[in-house]
Amino acid sequence: MRGTGDKVTLSVMLYALANDPSRQRIAVGDLLTALGDRALAALLFVFAVPNVLPVPPGVSAVLGAPLVLLALQLTFGRRPWLPAVMARRTLSRSDFAALVRRIGPWLARAERLLQPRISPLALPPMEYLVGLVCLLLAVVLVLPVPLGNMLPALAISLLALGILERDGLWILAGLLVAAVSAVVVSGVVWAMLKAAAYVVGNLLR
């Protein structure tokens, strides 16, 4: 499958890495190299989308740290970069392939819908505002808040794909999901604070 302007799509890049027999393990740095000038938005998607799926406890915190750094770079229009300690992190090719098999079909369907439209929403300076939204969502994703990872991760995934293919419609969809996420997460946090205050109040009686 080819993307806009006959570019190789993200799904094809991920499948190629997952099926490369010369690699026993896939490093984050390998993704940076393979994705080239599209790495920033693509890596935002790659690190965010696993959190949309059911994952073991603690995974969101591990994936959230690179998300925060990448979103910060998008906010300030920087080139994609990760410190060596993150870039050297690896995943076995079989585990990476299993992840790609889970997200690949959904990503391929999304790529058929993506196209350049309402492009000013996916270009600077709006791109920097999208980066700021992704940064706030990534911070929420890292926090141990119940229900605090799926909606923020979905919003980041939509925004990242919108930036990747310059599709302003997907940017709008991502911003809508981000707003819903803010309402849900703030409601959960408020409920947790009220519950904590109730428990403390009972203990102090």
C-alpha atoms as a PDB file:
ATOM      1  CA  MET A   1       0.000   0.000   0.000  1.00  0.00           C
ATOM      2  CA  ARG A   2       1.212   3.483  -0.838  1.00  0.00           C
ATOM      3  CA  GLY A   3       0.358   6.735   0.868  1.00  0.00           C
ATOM      4  CA  THR A   4      -0.209  10.220  -0.427  1.00  0.00           C
ATOM      5  CA  GLY A   5       2.276  11.224  -3.094  1.00  0.00           C
ATOM      6  CA  ASP A   6       3.274   7.555  -3.565  1.00  0.00           C
ATOM      7  CA  LYS A   7       5.007   7.522  -0.177  1.00  0.00           C
ATOM      8  CA  VAL A   8       5.403   4.228   1.594  1.00  0.00           C
ATOM      9  CA  THR A   9       2.804   4.167   4.325  1.00  0.00           C
ATOM     10  CA  LEU A  10       3.522   3.734   8.017  1.00  0.00           C
ATOM     11  CA  SER A  11       1.861   0.302   8.060  1.00  0.00           C
ATOM     12  CA  VAL A  12       4.168  -0.915   5.278  1.00  0.00           C
ATOM     13  CA  MET A  13       7.224   0.420   7.137  1.00  0.00           C
ATOM     14  CA  LEU A  14       6.184  -1.352  10.337  1.00  0.00           C
ATOM     15  CA  TYR A  15       5.460  -4.639   8.548  1.00  0.00           C
ATOM     16  CA  ALA A  16       8.844  -4.431   6.790  1.00  0.00           C
ATOM     17  CA  LEU A  17      10.653  -4.045  10.113  1.00  0.00           C
ATOM     18  CA  ALA A  18       8.602  -6.813  11.726  1.00  0.00           C
ATOM     19  CA  ASN A  19       9.381  -9.220   8.874  1.00  0.00           C
ATOM     20  CA  ASP A  20      13.087  -8.407   8.486  1.00  0.00           C
ATOM     21  CA  PRO A  21      14.880 -11.723   9.197  1.00  0.00           C
ATOM     22  CA  SER A  22      18.216  -9.939   9.672  1.00  0.00           C
ATOM     23  CA  ARG A  23      16.953  -8.397  12.925  1.00  0.00           C
ATOM     24  CA  GLN A  24      16.606 -10.401  16.113  1.00  0.00           C
ATOM     25  CA  ARG A  25      15.507  -7.344  18.085  1.00  0.00           C
ATOM     26  CA  ILE A  26      13.971  -3.993  17.127  1.00  0.00           C
ATOM     27  CA  ALA A  27      15.359  -0.902  18.853  1.00  0.00           C
ATOM     28  CA  VAL A  28      13.546   2.413  19.163  1.00  0.00           C
ATOM     29  CA  GLY A  29      16.535   3.888  17.323  1.00  0.00           C
ATOM     30  CA  ASP A  30      15.784   1.534  14.397  1.00  0.00           C
ATOM     31  CA  LEU A  31      12.327   3.090  14.145  1.00  0.00           C
ATOM     32  CA  LEU A  32      13.810   6.588  14.154  1.00  0.00           C
ATOM     33  CA  THR A  33      16.135   5.634  11.299  1.00  0.00           C
ATOM     34  CA  ALA A  34      13.526   3.755   9.251  1.00  0.00           C
ATOM     35  CA  LEU A  35      10.864   6.461   9.503  1.00  0.00           C
ATOM     36  CA  GLY A  36      13.184   9.320   8.572  1.00  0.00           C
ATOM     37  CA  ASP A  37      11.604  12.765   8.338  1.00  0.00           C
ATOM     38  CA  ARG A  38       8.204  11.276   9.256  1.00  0.00           C
ATOM     39  CA  ALA A  39       9.541   9.829  12.509  1.00  0.00           C
ATOM     40  CA  LEU A  40       8.095  12.371  14.937  1.00  0.00           C
ATOM     41  CA  ALA A  41       4.387  11.917  14.147  1.00  0.00           C
ATOM     42  CA  ALA A  42       4.898   8.229  13.336  1.00  0.00           C
ATOM     43  CA  LEU A  43       6.582   7.508  16.677  1.00  0.00           C
ATOM     44  CA  LEU A  44       3.879   9.431  18.527  1.00  0.00           C
ATOM     45  CA  PHE A  45       1.410   7.000  16.960  1.00  0.00           C
ATOM     46  CA  VAL A  46       3.569   3.917  17.586  1.00  0.00           C
ATOM     47  CA  PHE A  47       4.025   4.749  21.292  1.00  0.00           C
ATOM     48  CA  ALA A  48       0.421   5.866  21.824  1.00  0.00           C
ATOM     49  CA  VAL A  49      -1.630   3.215  20.052  1.00  0.00           C
ATOM     50  CA  PRO A  50      -0.686   0.215  22.274  1.00  0.00           C
ATOM     51  CA  ASN A  51      -2.339   2.075  25.157  1.00  0.00           C
ATOM     52  CA  VAL A  52      -5.643   2.087  23.268  1.00  0.00           C
ATOM     53  CA  LEU A  53      -5.613  -1.706  23.578  1.00  0.00           C
ATOM     54  CA  PRO A  54      -5.779  -3.646  26.857  1.00  0.00           C
ATOM     55  CA  VAL A  55      -2.195  -3.725  28.168  1.00  0.00           C
ATOM     56  CA  PRO A  56      -0.569  -4.992  31.380  1.00  0.00           C
ATOM     57  CA  PRO A  57      -0.330  -2.506  34.292  1.00  0.00           C
ATOM     58  CA  GLY A  58       2.679  -0.195  34.030  1.00  0.00           C
ATOM     59  CA  VAL A  59       2.959  -0.305  30.239  1.00  0.00           C
ATOM     60  CA  SER A  60       1.477   3.176  29.875  1.00  0.00           C
ATOM     61  CA  ALA A  61       4.150   4.584  32.190  1.00  0.00           C
ATOM     62  CA  VAL A  62       6.931   2.939  30.127  1.00  0.00           C
ATOM     63  CA  LEU A  63       5.538   4.129  26.788  1.00  0.00           C
ATOM     64  CA  GLY A  64       4.470   7.472  28.200  1.00  0.00           C
ATOM     65  CA  ALA A  65       7.991   8.817  28.852  1.00  0.00           C
ATOM     66  CA  PRO A  66       9.019   8.815  25.154  1.00  0.00           C
ATOM     67  CA  LEU A  67       5.572  10.202  24.283  1.00  0.00           C
ATOM     68  CA  VAL A  68       6.126  13.202  26.562  1.00  0.00           C
ATOM     69  CA  LEU A  69       9.522  13.917  24.998  1.00  0.00           C
ATOM     70  CA  LEU A  70       8.279  13.501  21.401  1.00  0.00           C
ATOM     71  CA  ALA A  71       5.211  15.680  22.022  1.00  0.00           C
ATOM     72  CA  LEU A  72       7.474  18.344  23.526  1.00  0.00           C
ATOM     73  CA  GLN A  73       9.568  18.305  20.345  1.00  0.00           C
ATOM     74  CA  LEU A  74       6.451  18.623  18.184  1.00  0.00           C
ATOM     75  CA  THR A  75       5.314  21.583  20.301  1.00  0.00           C
ATOM     76  CA  PHE A  76       8.552  23.462  19.596  1.00  0.00           C
ATOM     77  CA  GLY A  77       9.043  22.275  16.005  1.00  0.00           C
ATOM     78  CA  ARG A  78      12.170  20.244  16.758  1.00  0.00           C
ATOM     79  CA  ARG A  79      13.525  17.296  14.809  1.00  0.00           C
ATOM     80  CA  PRO A  80      12.774  13.875  16.343  1.00  0.00           C
ATOM     81  CA  TRP A  81      15.373  12.834  18.904  1.00  0.00           C
ATOM     82  CA  LEU A  82      15.465  10.485  21.850  1.00  0.00           C
ATOM     83  CA  PRO A  83      18.234  10.096  24.437  1.00  0.00           C
ATOM     84  CA  ALA A  84      20.432   7.037  24.040  1.00  0.00           C
ATOM     85  CA  VAL A  85      18.846   5.286  27.024  1.00  0.00           C
ATOM     86  CA  MET A  86      15.481   5.373  25.187  1.00  0.00           C
ATOM     87  CA  ALA A  87      16.828   4.842  21.654  1.00  0.00           C
ATOM     88  CA  ARG A  88      18.652   1.679  22.766  1.00  0.00           C
ATOM     89  CA  ARG A  89      15.539   0.078  24.240  1.00  0.00           C
ATOM     90  CA  THR A  90      14.708  -3.020  22.242  1.00  0.00           C
ATOM     91  CA  LEU A  91      11.879  -5.450  21.707  1.00  0.00           C
ATOM     92  CA  SER A  92      12.266  -8.941  20.299  1.00  0.00           C
ATOM     93  CA  ARG A  93      11.250  -9.095  16.661  1.00  0.00           C
ATOM     94  CA  SER A  94       8.583 -11.687  17.477  1.00  0.00           C
ATOM     95  CA  ASP A  95       7.009  -9.389  20.100  1.00  0.00           C
ATOM     96  CA  PHE A  96       7.240  -6.422  17.734  1.00  0.00           C
ATOM     97  CA  ALA A  97       5.661  -8.502  14.963  1.00  0.00           C
ATOM     98  CA  ALA A  98       2.826  -9.520  17.295  1.00  0.00           C
ATOM     99  CA  LEU A  99       2.167  -5.846  18.085  1.00  0.00           C
ATOM    100  CA  VAL A 100       2.242  -4.919  14.386  1.00  0.00           C
ATOM    101  CA  ARG A 101      -0.201  -7.743  13.602  1.00  0.00           C
ATOM    102  CA  ARG A 102      -2.603  -6.283  16.189  1.00  0.00           C
ATOM    103  CA  ILE A 103      -2.456  -2.676  15.051  1.00  0.00           C
ATOM    104  CA  GLY A 104      -1.545  -3.186  11.383  1.00  0.00           C
ATOM    105  CA  PRO A 105      -5.024  -3.952   9.981  1.00  0.00           C
ATOM    106  CA  TRP A 106      -6.561  -0.986  11.838  1.00  0.00           C
ATOM    107  CA  LEU A 107      -3.745   1.290  10.703  1.00  0.00           C
ATOM    108  CA  ALA A 108      -4.108   0.145   7.091  1.00  0.00           C
ATOM    109  CA  ARG A 109      -7.833   0.940   7.167  1.00  0.00           C
ATOM    110  CA  ALA A 110      -7.101   4.360   8.642  1.00  0.00           C
ATOM    111  CA  GLU A 111      -4.518   5.046   5.929  1.00  0.00           C
ATOM    112  CA  ARG A 112      -7.138   4.433   3.244  1.00  0.00           C
ATOM    113  CA  LEU A 113      -9.234   7.212   4.815  1.00  0.00           C
ATOM    114  CA  LEU A 114      -6.403   9.666   5.404  1.00  0.00           C
ATOM    115  CA  GLN A 115      -5.768  12.347   2.791  1.00  0.00           C
ATOM    116  CA  PRO A 116      -4.490  15.937   2.722  1.00  0.00           C
ATOM    117  CA  ARG A 117      -7.459  18.194   3.558  1.00  0.00           C
ATOM    118  CA  ILE A 118      -8.040  21.241   5.729  1.00  0.00           C
ATOM    119  CA  SER A 119      -4.228  21.140   5.730  1.00  0.00           C
ATOM    120  CA  PRO A 120      -3.654  24.392   7.703  1.00  0.00           C
ATOM    121  CA  LEU A 121      -4.823  22.477  10.800  1.00  0.00           C
ATOM    122  CA  ALA A 122      -1.957  20.008  10.320  1.00  0.00           C
ATOM    123  CA  LEU A 123       0.756  22.553   9.507  1.00  0.00           C
ATOM    124  CA  PRO A 124       2.666  25.114  11.605  1.00  0.00           C
ATOM    125  CA  PRO A 125       1.681  27.060  13.627  1.00  0.00           C
ATOM    126  CA  MET A 126      -1.361  24.838  14.309  1.00  0.00           C
ATOM    127  CA  GLU A 127       0.961  21.825  14.374  1.00  0.00           C
ATOM    128  CA  TYR A 128       2.669  23.294  17.461  1.00  0.00           C
ATOM    129  CA  LEU A 129      -0.684  23.641  19.230  1.00  0.00           C
ATOM    130  CA  VAL A 130      -1.433  20.006  18.371  1.00  0.00           C
ATOM    131  CA  GLY A 131       1.947  19.147  19.903  1.00  0.00           C
ATOM    132  CA  LEU A 132       0.963  20.966  23.099  1.00  0.00           C
ATOM    133  CA  VAL A 133      -2.320  19.024  23.271  1.00  0.00           C
ATOM    134  CA  CYS A 134      -0.383  15.768  22.750  1.00  0.00           C
ATOM    135  CA  LEU A 135       2.031  16.812  25.509  1.00  0.00           C
ATOM    136  CA  LEU A 136      -0.788  17.354  28.010  1.00  0.00           C
ATOM    137  CA  LEU A 137      -2.389  14.054  27.010  1.00  0.00           C
ATOM    138  CA  ALA A 138       0.949  12.223  27.330  1.00  0.00           C
ATOM    139  CA  VAL A 139       1.407  13.593  30.861  1.00  0.00           C
ATOM    140  CA  VAL A 140      -2.095  12.348  31.770  1.00  0.00           C
ATOM    141  CA  LEU A 141      -1.283   8.972  30.236  1.00  0.00           C
ATOM    142  CA  VAL A 142       1.793   8.593  32.457  1.00  0.00           C
ATOM    143  CA  LEU A 143      -0.162   9.324  35.636  1.00  0.00           C
ATOM    144  CA  PRO A 144      -1.731   6.347  37.479  1.00  0.00           C
ATOM    145  CA  VAL A 145      -5.292   7.488  36.844  1.00  0.00           C
ATOM    146  CA  PRO A 146      -7.991   4.820  36.278  1.00  0.00           C
ATOM    147  CA  LEU A 147      -9.313   5.092  32.706  1.00  0.00           C
ATOM    148  CA  GLY A 148      -6.552   7.653  32.157  1.00  0.00           C
ATOM    149  CA  ASN A 149      -4.754   5.938  29.306  1.00  0.00           C
ATOM    150  CA  MET A 150      -7.167   4.676  26.613  1.00  0.00           C
ATOM    151  CA  LEU A 151      -8.872   7.950  25.630  1.00  0.00           C
ATOM    152  CA  PRO A 152      -5.699  10.099  25.787  1.00  0.00           C
ATOM    153  CA  ALA A 153      -3.845   7.453  23.760  1.00  0.00           C
ATOM    154  CA  LEU A 154      -6.645   7.360  21.166  1.00  0.00           C
ATOM    155  CA  ALA A 155      -6.574  11.157  20.900  1.00  0.00           C
ATOM    156  CA  ILE A 156      -2.776  11.182  20.430  1.00  0.00           C
ATOM    157  CA  SER A 157      -3.055   8.423  17.798  1.00  0.00           C
ATOM    158  CA  LEU A 158      -5.632  10.388  15.788  1.00  0.00           C
ATOM    159  CA  LEU A 159      -3.659  13.629  16.065  1.00  0.00           C
ATOM    160  CA  ALA A 160      -0.405  11.899  15.076  1.00  0.00           C
ATOM    161  CA  LEU A 161      -1.986  10.357  11.970  1.00  0.00           C
ATOM    162  CA  GLY A 162      -3.503  13.729  11.086  1.00  0.00           C
ATOM    163  CA  ILE A 163      -0.078  15.395  11.285  1.00  0.00           C
ATOM    164  CA  LEU A 164       1.553  12.503   9.423  1.00  0.00           C
ATOM    165  CA  GLU A 165      -0.758  12.774   6.401  1.00  0.00           C
ATOM    166  CA  ARG A 166      -1.651  16.491   6.753  1.00  0.00           C
ATOM    167  CA  ASP A 167      -5.294  15.608   7.309  1.00  0.00           C
ATOM    168  CA  GLY A 168      -7.046  18.386   9.219  1.00  0.00           C
ATOM    169  CA  LEU A 169     -10.224  16.349   9.548  1.00  0.00           C
ATOM    170  CA  TRP A 170      -8.390  13.793  11.659  1.00  0.00           C
ATOM    171  CA  ILE A 171      -6.874  16.628  13.674  1.00  0.00           C
ATOM    172  CA  LEU A 172     -10.400  17.821  14.478  1.00  0.00           C
ATOM    173  CA  ALA A 173     -11.423  14.265  15.424  1.00  0.00           C
ATOM    174  CA  GLY A 174      -8.361  13.968  17.670  1.00  0.00           C
ATOM    175  CA  LEU A 175      -9.129  17.292  19.366  1.00  0.00           C
ATOM    176  CA  LEU A 176     -12.706  16.151  19.980  1.00  0.00           C
ATOM    177  CA  VAL A 177     -11.505  12.914  21.591  1.00  0.00           C
ATOM    178  CA  ALA A 178      -8.986  14.952  23.613  1.00  0.00           C
ATOM    179  CA  ALA A 179     -11.816  17.135  24.940  1.00  0.00           C
ATOM    180  CA  VAL A 180     -13.878  14.065  25.881  1.00  0.00           C
ATOM    181  CA  SER A 181     -10.775  12.580  27.508  1.00  0.00           C
ATOM    182  CA  ALA A 182     -10.274  15.738  29.576  1.00  0.00           C
ATOM    183  CA  VAL A 183     -13.857  15.574  30.833  1.00  0.00           C
ATOM    184  CA  VAL A 184     -13.666  11.861  31.695  1.00  0.00           C
ATOM    185  CA  VAL A 185     -10.235  12.011  33.366  1.00  0.00           C
ATOM    186  CA  SER A 186     -11.080  15.155  35.343  1.00  0.00           C
ATOM    187  CA  GLY A 187     -14.288  13.452  36.498  1.00  0.00           C
ATOM    188  CA  VAL A 188     -12.341  10.383  37.633  1.00  0.00           C
ATOM    189  CA  VAL A 189      -9.752  12.526  39.449  1.00  0.00           C
ATOM    190  CA  TRP A 190     -12.512  14.549  41.137  1.00  0.00           C
ATOM    191  CA  ALA A 191     -14.237  11.353  42.266  1.00  0.00           C
ATOM    192  CA  MET A 192     -10.926  10.013  43.616  1.00  0.00           C
ATOM    193  CA  LEU A 193     -10.306  13.238  45.538  1.00  0.00           C
ATOM    194  CA  LYS A 194     -13.821  13.177  47.022  1.00  0.00           C
ATOM    195  CA  ALA A 195     -13.392   9.532  48.024  1.00  0.00           C
ATOM    196  CA  ALA A 196     -10.006  10.292  49.611  1.00  0.00           C
ATOM    197  CA  ALA A 197     -11.464  13.270  51.485  1.00  0.00           C
ATOM    198  CA  TYR A 198     -14.338  11.089  52.739  1.00  0.00           C
ATOM    199  CA  VAL A 199     -11.945   8.386  53.986  1.00  0.00           C
ATOM    200  CA  VAL A 200      -9.687  10.922  55.691  1.00  0.00           C
ATOM    201  CA  GLY A 201     -12.692  12.656  57.240  1.00  0.00           C
ATOM    202  CA  ASN A 202     -13.918   9.363  58.709  1.00  0.00           C
ATOM    203  CA  LEU A 203     -10.463   8.545  60.076  1.00  0.00           C
ATOM    204  CA  LEU A 204     -10.224  11.919  61.814  1.00  0.00           C
ATOM    205  CA  ARG A 205     -13.594  11.617  63.566  1.00  0.00           C
END
